[in-house]
Amino acid sequence: MEQTTRLVELENSGYIVIPIKGVSMNPLLYSFSSQVLIERLDGRPKVNDVVLYVRDDGMQVLHRIISFDGDIALIRGDNTYSLERVPLSDIKGVATTFWRKGSQSSHEISVGDRSYKLYVKFWNFIYPIRKLWFRVKNKLRRILKIPENFQETETR
């Protein structure tokens, strides 16, 4: 119900502000401590845009466009390692501003900021290294039989 209401609000007002849930856009956005301003998509999105799209099951997802294959956007989260093929017709909006709540205050990030553009270039540049590390880490976990949710604790 809430998700449908968001799309109606986006269509009617031209923008919405939504809280982030999940880890797929880490380290840019964090679950329950980040918010995003989404503007209704008018026209074609661009490579590196963070877009709101709707999956076949109705789930709304916020991920980054990596490239295009005709009228299909190839999309993945900043913290994910596989591409999703999304028809342009399923993309409803584009992120223009992010707010990250820190320990003391909230920090606003605009997609036009130089620091944001550098983050996008750097994060995409190191993708092959991140993907390799992800595979090695998962292989080691399987070999050593370490559970996915294992957290190291400091001992003194």
N, C-alpha and C. Protein backbone atom coordinates (compact mmCIF):
# COMPACT_ATOMS: atom_id res chain seq x y z
N MET A 1 0.82 -1.20 0.00
CA MET A 1 0.00 0.00 0.00
C MET A 1 0.86 1.26 0.00
N GLU A 2 1.86 1.30 0.90
CA GLU A 2 2.73 2.46 1.00
C GLU A 2 3.50 2.69 -0.30
N GLN A 3 3.95 1.60 -0.94
CA GLN A 3 4.72 1.73 -2.17
C GLN A 3 3.87 2.30 -3.30
N THR A 4 2.63 1.85 -3.41
CA THR A 4 1.74 2.38 -4.45
C THR A 4 1.48 3.85 -4.20
N THR A 5 1.28 4.23 -2.94
CA THR A 5 1.05 5.63 -2.59
C THR A 5 2.23 6.49 -2.98
N ARG A 6 3.44 5.98 -2.77
CA ARG A 6 4.64 6.73 -3.17
C ARG A 6 4.64 7.02 -4.66
N LEU A 7 4.34 6.01 -5.47
CA LEU A 7 4.34 6.22 -6.92
C LEU A 7 3.28 7.21 -7.36
N VAL A 8 2.12 7.17 -6.71
CA VAL A 8 1.06 8.14 -7.02
C VAL A 8 1.52 9.54 -6.65
N GLU A 9 2.13 9.66 -5.47
CA GLU A 9 2.64 10.96 -5.03
C GLU A 9 3.72 11.47 -5.99
N LEU A 10 4.61 10.58 -6.42
CA LEU A 10 5.66 10.96 -7.37
C LEU A 10 5.05 11.45 -8.67
N GLU A 11 4.07 10.74 -9.15
CA GLU A 11 3.41 11.13 -10.41
C GLU A 11 2.68 12.47 -10.25
N ASN A 12 2.00 12.67 -9.14
CA ASN A 12 1.20 13.89 -8.95
C ASN A 12 2.03 15.12 -8.61
N SER A 13 2.99 14.97 -7.69
CA SER A 13 3.74 16.14 -7.23
C SER A 13 5.05 16.34 -7.99
N GLY A 14 5.53 15.27 -8.63
CA GLY A 14 6.79 15.38 -9.36
C GLY A 14 8.01 15.00 -8.55
N TYR A 15 7.83 14.79 -7.24
CA TYR A 15 8.96 14.37 -6.41
C TYR A 15 8.44 13.68 -5.14
N ILE A 16 9.33 12.90 -4.53
CA ILE A 16 9.08 12.30 -3.23
C ILE A 16 10.40 12.22 -2.47
N VAL A 17 10.33 12.16 -1.17
CA VAL A 17 11.49 11.89 -0.33
C VAL A 17 11.21 10.56 0.36
N ILE A 18 12.15 9.62 0.18
CA ILE A 18 11.93 8.29 0.74
C ILE A 18 13.10 7.88 1.64
N PRO A 19 12.80 7.13 2.70
CA PRO A 19 13.88 6.57 3.53
C PRO A 19 14.47 5.35 2.84
N ILE A 20 15.71 5.06 3.15
CA ILE A 20 16.40 3.91 2.56
C ILE A 20 16.24 2.70 3.47
N LYS A 21 15.93 1.57 2.84
CA LYS A 21 15.88 0.29 3.54
C LYS A 21 16.72 -0.69 2.74
N GLY A 22 17.65 -1.36 3.39
CA GLY A 22 18.50 -2.32 2.70
C GLY A 22 19.93 -1.84 2.59
N VAL A 23 20.79 -2.72 2.06
CA VAL A 23 22.23 -2.45 2.02
C VAL A 23 22.79 -2.37 0.59
N SER A 24 21.95 -2.48 -0.40
CA SER A 24 22.44 -2.57 -1.78
C SER A 24 23.10 -1.29 -2.29
N MET A 25 22.88 -0.17 -1.64
CA MET A 25 23.51 1.08 -2.09
C MET A 25 24.60 1.57 -1.13
N ASN A 26 25.03 0.71 -0.19
CA ASN A 26 26.19 1.06 0.65
C ASN A 26 27.40 1.21 -0.26
N PRO A 27 28.32 2.07 -0.02
CA PRO A 27 28.48 2.95 1.12
C PRO A 27 27.87 4.33 0.94
N LEU A 28 27.20 4.57 -0.18
CA LEU A 28 26.57 5.87 -0.39
C LEU A 28 25.40 6.06 0.55
N LEU A 29 24.54 5.07 0.63
CA LEU A 29 23.31 5.17 1.42
C LEU A 29 23.23 4.01 2.41
N TYR A 30 22.75 4.30 3.60
CA TYR A 30 22.63 3.30 4.64
C TYR A 30 21.19 3.15 5.09
N SER A 31 20.82 1.92 5.33
CA SER A 31 19.47 1.58 5.75
C SER A 31 19.10 2.32 7.04
N PHE A 32 17.93 2.92 7.01
CA PHE A 32 17.32 3.61 8.15
C PHE A 32 18.05 4.88 8.60
N SER A 33 19.11 5.30 7.91
CA SER A 33 19.77 6.55 8.29
C SER A 33 19.98 7.47 7.09
N SER A 34 19.47 7.05 5.93
CA SER A 34 19.60 7.89 4.72
C SER A 34 18.22 8.12 4.11
N GLN A 35 18.09 9.25 3.46
CA GLN A 35 16.88 9.57 2.70
C GLN A 35 17.29 10.06 1.32
N VAL A 36 16.36 9.93 0.37
CA VAL A 36 16.65 10.32 -1.01
C VAL A 36 15.50 11.13 -1.57
N LEU A 37 15.84 12.21 -2.28
CA LEU A 37 14.85 12.97 -3.03
C LEU A 37 14.80 12.37 -4.43
N ILE A 38 13.65 11.87 -4.80
CA ILE A 38 13.43 11.29 -6.13
C ILE A 38 12.55 12.24 -6.92
N GLU A 39 12.99 12.58 -8.12
CA GLU A 39 12.17 13.41 -9.01
C GLU A 39 11.61 12.53 -10.11
N ARG A 40 10.38 12.83 -10.50
CA ARG A 40 9.73 12.07 -11.57
C ARG A 40 10.62 12.10 -12.81
N LEU A 41 10.72 10.96 -13.46
CA LEU A 41 11.55 10.86 -14.64
C LEU A 41 10.81 11.43 -15.84
N ASP A 42 11.38 12.46 -16.40
CA ASP A 42 10.86 13.05 -17.63
C ASP A 42 11.98 12.95 -18.65
N GLY A 43 11.84 12.05 -19.60
CA GLY A 43 12.90 11.83 -20.56
C GLY A 43 13.65 10.56 -20.25
N ARG A 44 14.81 10.43 -20.83
CA ARG A 44 15.62 9.22 -20.69
C ARG A 44 16.67 9.42 -19.60
N PRO A 45 16.82 8.46 -18.68
CA PRO A 45 17.87 8.60 -17.67
C PRO A 45 19.24 8.44 -18.31
N LYS A 46 20.27 8.78 -17.54
CA LYS A 46 21.65 8.70 -18.03
C LYS A 46 22.43 7.64 -17.26
N VAL A 47 23.53 7.19 -17.84
CA VAL A 47 24.45 6.29 -17.15
C VAL A 47 24.89 6.98 -15.86
N ASN A 48 24.98 6.22 -14.79
CA ASN A 48 25.35 6.64 -13.44
C ASN A 48 24.22 7.28 -12.65
N ASP A 49 23.05 7.50 -13.26
CA ASP A 49 21.90 7.97 -12.49
C ASP A 49 21.48 6.89 -11.51
N VAL A 50 21.10 7.29 -10.31
CA VAL A 50 20.47 6.39 -9.35
C VAL A 50 18.97 6.55 -9.58
N VAL A 51 18.32 5.46 -9.95
CA VAL A 51 16.92 5.53 -10.35
C VAL A 51 16.04 4.65 -9.46
N LEU A 52 14.79 5.06 -9.37
CA LEU A 52 13.76 4.26 -8.70
C LEU A 52 13.01 3.51 -9.79
N TYR A 53 12.98 2.18 -9.67
CA TYR A 53 12.24 1.37 -10.63
C TYR A 53 11.41 0.34 -9.91
N VAL A 54 10.47 -0.23 -10.65
CA VAL A 54 9.55 -1.20 -10.08
C VAL A 54 9.80 -2.54 -10.73
N ARG A 55 10.08 -3.55 -9.90
CA ARG A 55 10.27 -4.91 -10.40
C ARG A 55 8.91 -5.54 -10.71
N ASP A 56 8.96 -6.68 -11.41
CA ASP A 56 7.73 -7.38 -11.77
C ASP A 56 6.87 -7.74 -10.57
N ASP A 57 7.50 -8.00 -9.42
CA ASP A 57 6.75 -8.36 -8.21
C ASP A 57 6.20 -7.15 -7.46
N GLY A 58 6.42 -5.94 -8.02
CA GLY A 58 5.91 -4.71 -7.41
C GLY A 58 6.90 -4.03 -6.48
N MET A 59 8.02 -4.67 -6.18
CA MET A 59 9.01 -4.08 -5.29
C MET A 59 9.66 -2.87 -5.95
N GLN A 60 9.79 -1.80 -5.17
CA GLN A 60 10.46 -0.60 -5.65
C GLN A 60 11.92 -0.65 -5.23
N VAL A 61 12.81 -0.37 -6.17
CA VAL A 61 14.25 -0.52 -5.94
C VAL A 61 14.96 0.75 -6.38
N LEU A 62 16.00 1.09 -5.64
CA LEU A 62 16.83 2.26 -5.97
C LEU A 62 18.24 1.75 -6.25
N HIS A 63 18.64 1.78 -7.54
CA HIS A 63 19.97 1.32 -7.96
C HIS A 63 20.52 2.24 -9.04
N ARG A 64 21.78 2.02 -9.40
CA ARG A 64 22.49 2.87 -10.36
C ARG A 64 22.47 2.26 -11.76
N ILE A 65 22.27 3.10 -12.77
CA ILE A 65 22.36 2.66 -14.16
C ILE A 65 23.83 2.55 -14.54
N ILE A 66 24.20 1.38 -15.05
CA ILE A 66 25.59 1.12 -15.46
C ILE A 66 25.75 1.34 -16.96
N SER A 67 24.76 0.90 -17.74
CA SER A 67 24.81 1.08 -19.20
C SER A 67 23.42 0.82 -19.76
N PHE A 68 23.32 0.88 -21.09
CA PHE A 68 22.05 0.62 -21.78
C PHE A 68 22.25 -0.43 -22.86
N ASP A 69 21.20 -1.17 -23.10
CA ASP A 69 21.11 -2.10 -24.22
C ASP A 69 19.79 -1.79 -24.91
N GLY A 70 19.83 -0.80 -25.80
CA GLY A 70 18.60 -0.33 -26.43
C GLY A 70 17.70 0.36 -25.41
N ASP A 71 16.47 -0.15 -25.26
CA ASP A 71 15.52 0.42 -24.29
C ASP A 71 15.55 -0.33 -22.96
N ILE A 72 16.65 -1.01 -22.70
CA ILE A 72 16.84 -1.72 -21.44
C ILE A 72 18.01 -1.08 -20.71
N ALA A 73 17.79 -0.74 -19.43
CA ALA A 73 18.86 -0.21 -18.59
C ALA A 73 19.50 -1.37 -17.84
N LEU A 74 20.82 -1.40 -17.83
CA LEU A 74 21.55 -2.39 -17.04
C LEU A 74 21.90 -1.70 -15.73
N ILE A 75 21.37 -2.26 -14.64
CA ILE A 75 21.37 -1.59 -13.34
C ILE A 75 21.93 -2.51 -12.27
N ARG A 76 22.63 -1.91 -11.30
CA ARG A 76 23.04 -2.65 -10.11
C ARG A 76 23.20 -1.67 -8.95
N GLY A 77 23.09 -2.19 -7.75
CA GLY A 77 23.34 -1.40 -6.56
C GLY A 77 24.82 -1.20 -6.38
N ASP A 78 25.21 -0.18 -5.66
CA ASP A 78 26.63 0.08 -5.42
C ASP A 78 27.28 -1.04 -4.61
N ASN A 79 26.48 -1.80 -3.88
CA ASN A 79 26.99 -2.88 -3.04
C ASN A 79 26.53 -4.25 -3.55
N THR A 80 26.24 -4.35 -4.83
CA THR A 80 25.84 -5.63 -5.42
C THR A 80 26.78 -5.94 -6.59
N TYR A 81 26.70 -7.18 -7.07
CA TYR A 81 27.69 -7.63 -8.05
C TYR A 81 27.08 -8.26 -9.29
N SER A 82 25.79 -8.13 -9.46
CA SER A 82 25.16 -8.64 -10.68
C SER A 82 24.28 -7.55 -11.27
N LEU A 83 24.17 -7.58 -12.59
CA LEU A 83 23.35 -6.59 -13.30
C LEU A 83 21.91 -7.06 -13.40
N GLU A 84 21.03 -6.10 -13.36
CA GLU A 84 19.61 -6.36 -13.57
C GLU A 84 19.20 -5.63 -14.84
N ARG A 85 18.44 -6.31 -15.68
CA ARG A 85 17.96 -5.70 -16.93
C ARG A 85 16.58 -5.10 -16.66
N VAL A 86 16.48 -3.79 -16.80
CA VAL A 86 15.25 -3.09 -16.45
C VAL A 86 14.75 -2.30 -17.66
N PRO A 87 13.53 -2.60 -18.13
CA PRO A 87 12.97 -1.80 -19.22
C PRO A 87 12.83 -0.34 -18.77
N LEU A 88 13.11 0.59 -19.67
CA LEU A 88 13.02 2.00 -19.33
C LEU A 88 11.62 2.37 -18.82
N SER A 89 10.61 1.66 -19.29
CA SER A 89 9.24 1.94 -18.85
C SER A 89 9.02 1.62 -17.37
N ASP A 90 9.89 0.81 -16.76
CA ASP A 90 9.77 0.48 -15.34
C ASP A 90 10.46 1.49 -14.43
N ILE A 91 11.23 2.39 -15.02
CA ILE A 91 11.93 3.41 -14.24
C ILE A 91 10.98 4.59 -14.03
N LYS A 92 10.76 4.92 -12.75
CA LYS A 92 9.76 5.94 -12.40
C LYS A 92 10.36 7.27 -11.99
N GLY A 93 11.59 7.26 -11.48
CA GLY A 93 12.17 8.51 -11.02
C GLY A 93 13.68 8.42 -10.91
N VAL A 94 14.30 9.57 -10.72
CA VAL A 94 15.75 9.65 -10.62
C VAL A 94 16.11 10.42 -9.34
N ALA A 95 17.11 9.92 -8.62
CA ALA A 95 17.56 10.57 -7.39
C ALA A 95 18.34 11.84 -7.72
N THR A 96 18.05 12.91 -6.99
CA THR A 96 18.76 14.16 -7.22
C THR A 96 19.51 14.65 -5.98
N THR A 97 19.05 14.21 -4.79
CA THR A 97 19.68 14.62 -3.54
C THR A 97 19.61 13.47 -2.55
N PHE A 98 20.67 13.31 -1.77
CA PHE A 98 20.72 12.28 -0.73
C PHE A 98 21.01 12.96 0.60
N TRP A 99 20.44 12.43 1.66
CA TRP A 99 20.75 12.88 3.01
C TRP A 99 21.21 11.69 3.81
N ARG A 100 22.39 11.83 4.41
CA ARG A 100 22.95 10.78 5.26
C ARG A 100 23.06 11.33 6.67
N LYS A 101 22.47 10.62 7.59
CA LYS A 101 22.53 11.05 8.97
C LYS A 101 23.76 10.47 9.62
N GLY A 102 24.60 11.34 10.12
CA GLY A 102 25.79 10.91 10.83
C GLY A 102 25.54 10.89 12.32
N SER A 103 26.59 10.75 13.09
CA SER A 103 26.43 10.68 14.53
C SER A 103 25.99 12.02 15.12
N GLN A 104 26.33 13.12 14.47
CA GLN A 104 26.00 14.44 15.01
C GLN A 104 24.94 15.18 14.20
N SER A 105 24.98 15.01 12.86
CA SER A 105 24.08 15.82 12.04
C SER A 105 23.80 15.11 10.72
N SER A 106 22.96 15.75 9.93
CA SER A 106 22.62 15.21 8.62
C SER A 106 23.49 15.88 7.56
N HIS A 107 23.91 15.10 6.58
CA HIS A 107 24.78 15.60 5.53
C HIS A 107 24.05 15.49 4.20
N GLU A 108 23.95 16.59 3.47
CA GLU A 108 23.26 16.60 2.18
C GLU A 108 24.26 16.42 1.05
N ILE A 109 23.88 15.55 0.10
CA ILE A 109 24.72 15.29 -1.07
C ILE A 109 23.87 15.50 -2.32
N SER A 110 24.29 16.39 -3.18
CA SER A 110 23.61 16.61 -4.45
C SER A 110 24.33 15.84 -5.55
N VAL A 111 23.58 15.32 -6.51
CA VAL A 111 24.22 14.59 -7.61
C VAL A 111 25.09 15.52 -8.46
N GLY A 112 24.95 16.81 -8.30
CA GLY A 112 25.79 17.76 -9.02
C GLY A 112 27.09 18.09 -8.31
N ASP A 113 27.23 17.67 -7.04
CA ASP A 113 28.44 17.95 -6.27
C ASP A 113 29.66 17.27 -6.87
N ARG A 114 30.76 17.95 -6.85
CA ARG A 114 32.02 17.38 -7.37
C ARG A 114 32.41 16.13 -6.60
N SER A 115 32.25 16.15 -5.29
CA SER A 115 32.63 15.00 -4.47
C SER A 115 31.78 13.77 -4.81
N TYR A 116 30.50 13.99 -5.11
CA TYR A 116 29.63 12.88 -5.49
C TYR A 116 30.08 12.29 -6.84
N LYS A 117 30.40 13.16 -7.77
CA LYS A 117 30.84 12.69 -9.09
C LYS A 117 32.15 11.90 -8.98
N LEU A 118 33.05 12.35 -8.11
CA LEU A 118 34.30 11.62 -7.89
C LEU A 118 34.02 10.25 -7.25
N TYR A 119 33.08 10.21 -6.30
CA TYR A 119 32.70 8.94 -5.68
C TYR A 119 32.21 7.95 -6.74
N VAL A 120 31.33 8.41 -7.63
CA VAL A 120 30.77 7.53 -8.66
C VAL A 120 31.87 7.00 -9.57
N LYS A 121 32.76 7.88 -10.02
CA LYS A 121 33.86 7.43 -10.88
C LYS A 121 34.75 6.43 -10.17
N PHE A 122 35.13 6.73 -8.94
CA PHE A 122 36.00 5.84 -8.18
C PHE A 122 35.32 4.50 -7.91
N TRP A 123 34.06 4.53 -7.47
CA TRP A 123 33.35 3.30 -7.11
C TRP A 123 33.17 2.40 -8.34
N ASN A 124 32.89 2.99 -9.48
CA ASN A 124 32.78 2.20 -10.70
C ASN A 124 34.15 1.68 -11.17
N PHE A 125 35.19 2.49 -10.99
CA PHE A 125 36.54 2.09 -11.40
C PHE A 125 37.02 0.86 -10.61
N ILE A 126 36.73 0.83 -9.31
CA ILE A 126 37.22 -0.29 -8.49
C ILE A 126 36.26 -1.48 -8.48
N TYR A 127 35.19 -1.42 -9.26
CA TYR A 127 34.23 -2.53 -9.29
C TYR A 127 34.88 -3.89 -9.53
N PRO A 128 35.78 -4.05 -10.50
CA PRO A 128 36.39 -5.38 -10.70
C PRO A 128 37.13 -5.89 -9.46
N ILE A 129 37.77 -4.99 -8.74
CA ILE A 129 38.48 -5.38 -7.52
C ILE A 129 37.48 -5.78 -6.45
N ARG A 130 36.41 -4.99 -6.29
CA ARG A 130 35.39 -5.31 -5.30
C ARG A 130 34.73 -6.65 -5.61
N LYS A 131 34.46 -6.90 -6.88
CA LYS A 131 33.82 -8.15 -7.28
C LYS A 131 34.74 -9.34 -6.99
N LEU A 132 36.02 -9.20 -7.30
CA LEU A 132 36.97 -10.26 -7.01
C LEU A 132 37.06 -10.51 -5.51
N TRP A 133 37.15 -9.45 -4.71
CA TRP A 133 37.21 -9.59 -3.26
C TRP A 133 35.96 -10.30 -2.74
N PHE A 134 34.80 -9.94 -3.25
CA PHE A 134 33.54 -10.57 -2.85
C PHE A 134 33.58 -12.08 -3.12
N ARG A 135 34.06 -12.47 -4.28
CA ARG A 135 34.14 -13.89 -4.63
C ARG A 135 35.14 -14.63 -3.74
N VAL A 136 36.31 -14.04 -3.51
CA VAL A 136 37.32 -14.67 -2.67
C VAL A 136 36.79 -14.82 -1.24
N LYS A 137 36.20 -13.77 -0.73
CA LYS A 137 35.66 -13.81 0.63
C LYS A 137 34.60 -14.90 0.78
N ASN A 138 33.70 -15.01 -0.18
CA ASN A 138 32.66 -16.04 -0.12
C ASN A 138 33.24 -17.44 -0.24
N LYS A 139 34.24 -17.60 -1.10
CA LYS A 139 34.90 -18.91 -1.24
C LYS A 139 35.57 -19.31 0.07
N LEU A 140 36.27 -18.37 0.71
CA LEU A 140 36.92 -18.65 1.99
C LEU A 140 35.90 -19.01 3.07
N ARG A 141 34.78 -18.31 3.07
CA ARG A 141 33.73 -18.62 4.05
C ARG A 141 33.22 -20.04 3.87
N ARG A 142 33.06 -20.46 2.63
CA ARG A 142 32.58 -21.83 2.37
C ARG A 142 33.64 -22.86 2.78
N ILE A 143 34.88 -22.58 2.45
CA ILE A 143 35.96 -23.51 2.79
C ILE A 143 36.11 -23.62 4.31
N LEU A 144 36.09 -22.48 4.98
CA LEU A 144 36.29 -22.46 6.43
C LEU A 144 34.98 -22.66 7.21
N LYS A 145 33.87 -22.75 6.47
CA LYS A 145 32.53 -22.95 7.06
C LYS A 145 32.18 -21.86 8.07
N ILE A 146 32.43 -20.62 7.67
CA ILE A 146 32.11 -19.45 8.49
C ILE A 146 30.73 -18.96 8.06
N PRO A 147 29.79 -18.80 9.00
CA PRO A 147 28.45 -18.32 8.63
C PRO A 147 28.50 -16.91 8.06
N GLU A 148 27.54 -16.60 7.17
CA GLU A 148 27.46 -15.27 6.53
C GLU A 148 27.34 -14.16 7.57
N ASN A 149 26.62 -14.39 8.64
CA ASN A 149 26.36 -13.32 9.61
C ASN A 149 27.40 -13.27 10.74
N PHE A 150 28.54 -13.96 10.55
CA PHE A 150 29.60 -13.97 11.54
C PHE A 150 30.19 -12.57 11.69
N GLN A 151 30.32 -12.13 12.92
CA GLN A 151 30.92 -10.82 13.22
C GLN A 151 32.14 -11.05 14.09
N GLU A 152 33.26 -10.50 13.69
CA GLU A 152 34.46 -10.59 14.53
C GLU A 152 34.28 -9.70 15.73
N THR A 153 34.73 -10.15 16.88
CA THR A 153 34.67 -9.33 18.08
C THR A 153 36.08 -9.14 18.60
N GLU A 154 36.30 -8.01 19.18
CA GLU A 154 37.62 -7.67 19.71
C GLU A 154 37.79 -8.31 21.08
N THR A 155 38.91 -8.92 21.30
CA THR A 155 39.19 -9.50 22.61
C THR A 155 40.40 -8.79 23.21
N ARG A 156 40.43 -8.72 24.50
CA ARG A 156 41.55 -8.03 25.19
C ARG A 156 42.19 -8.97 26.15
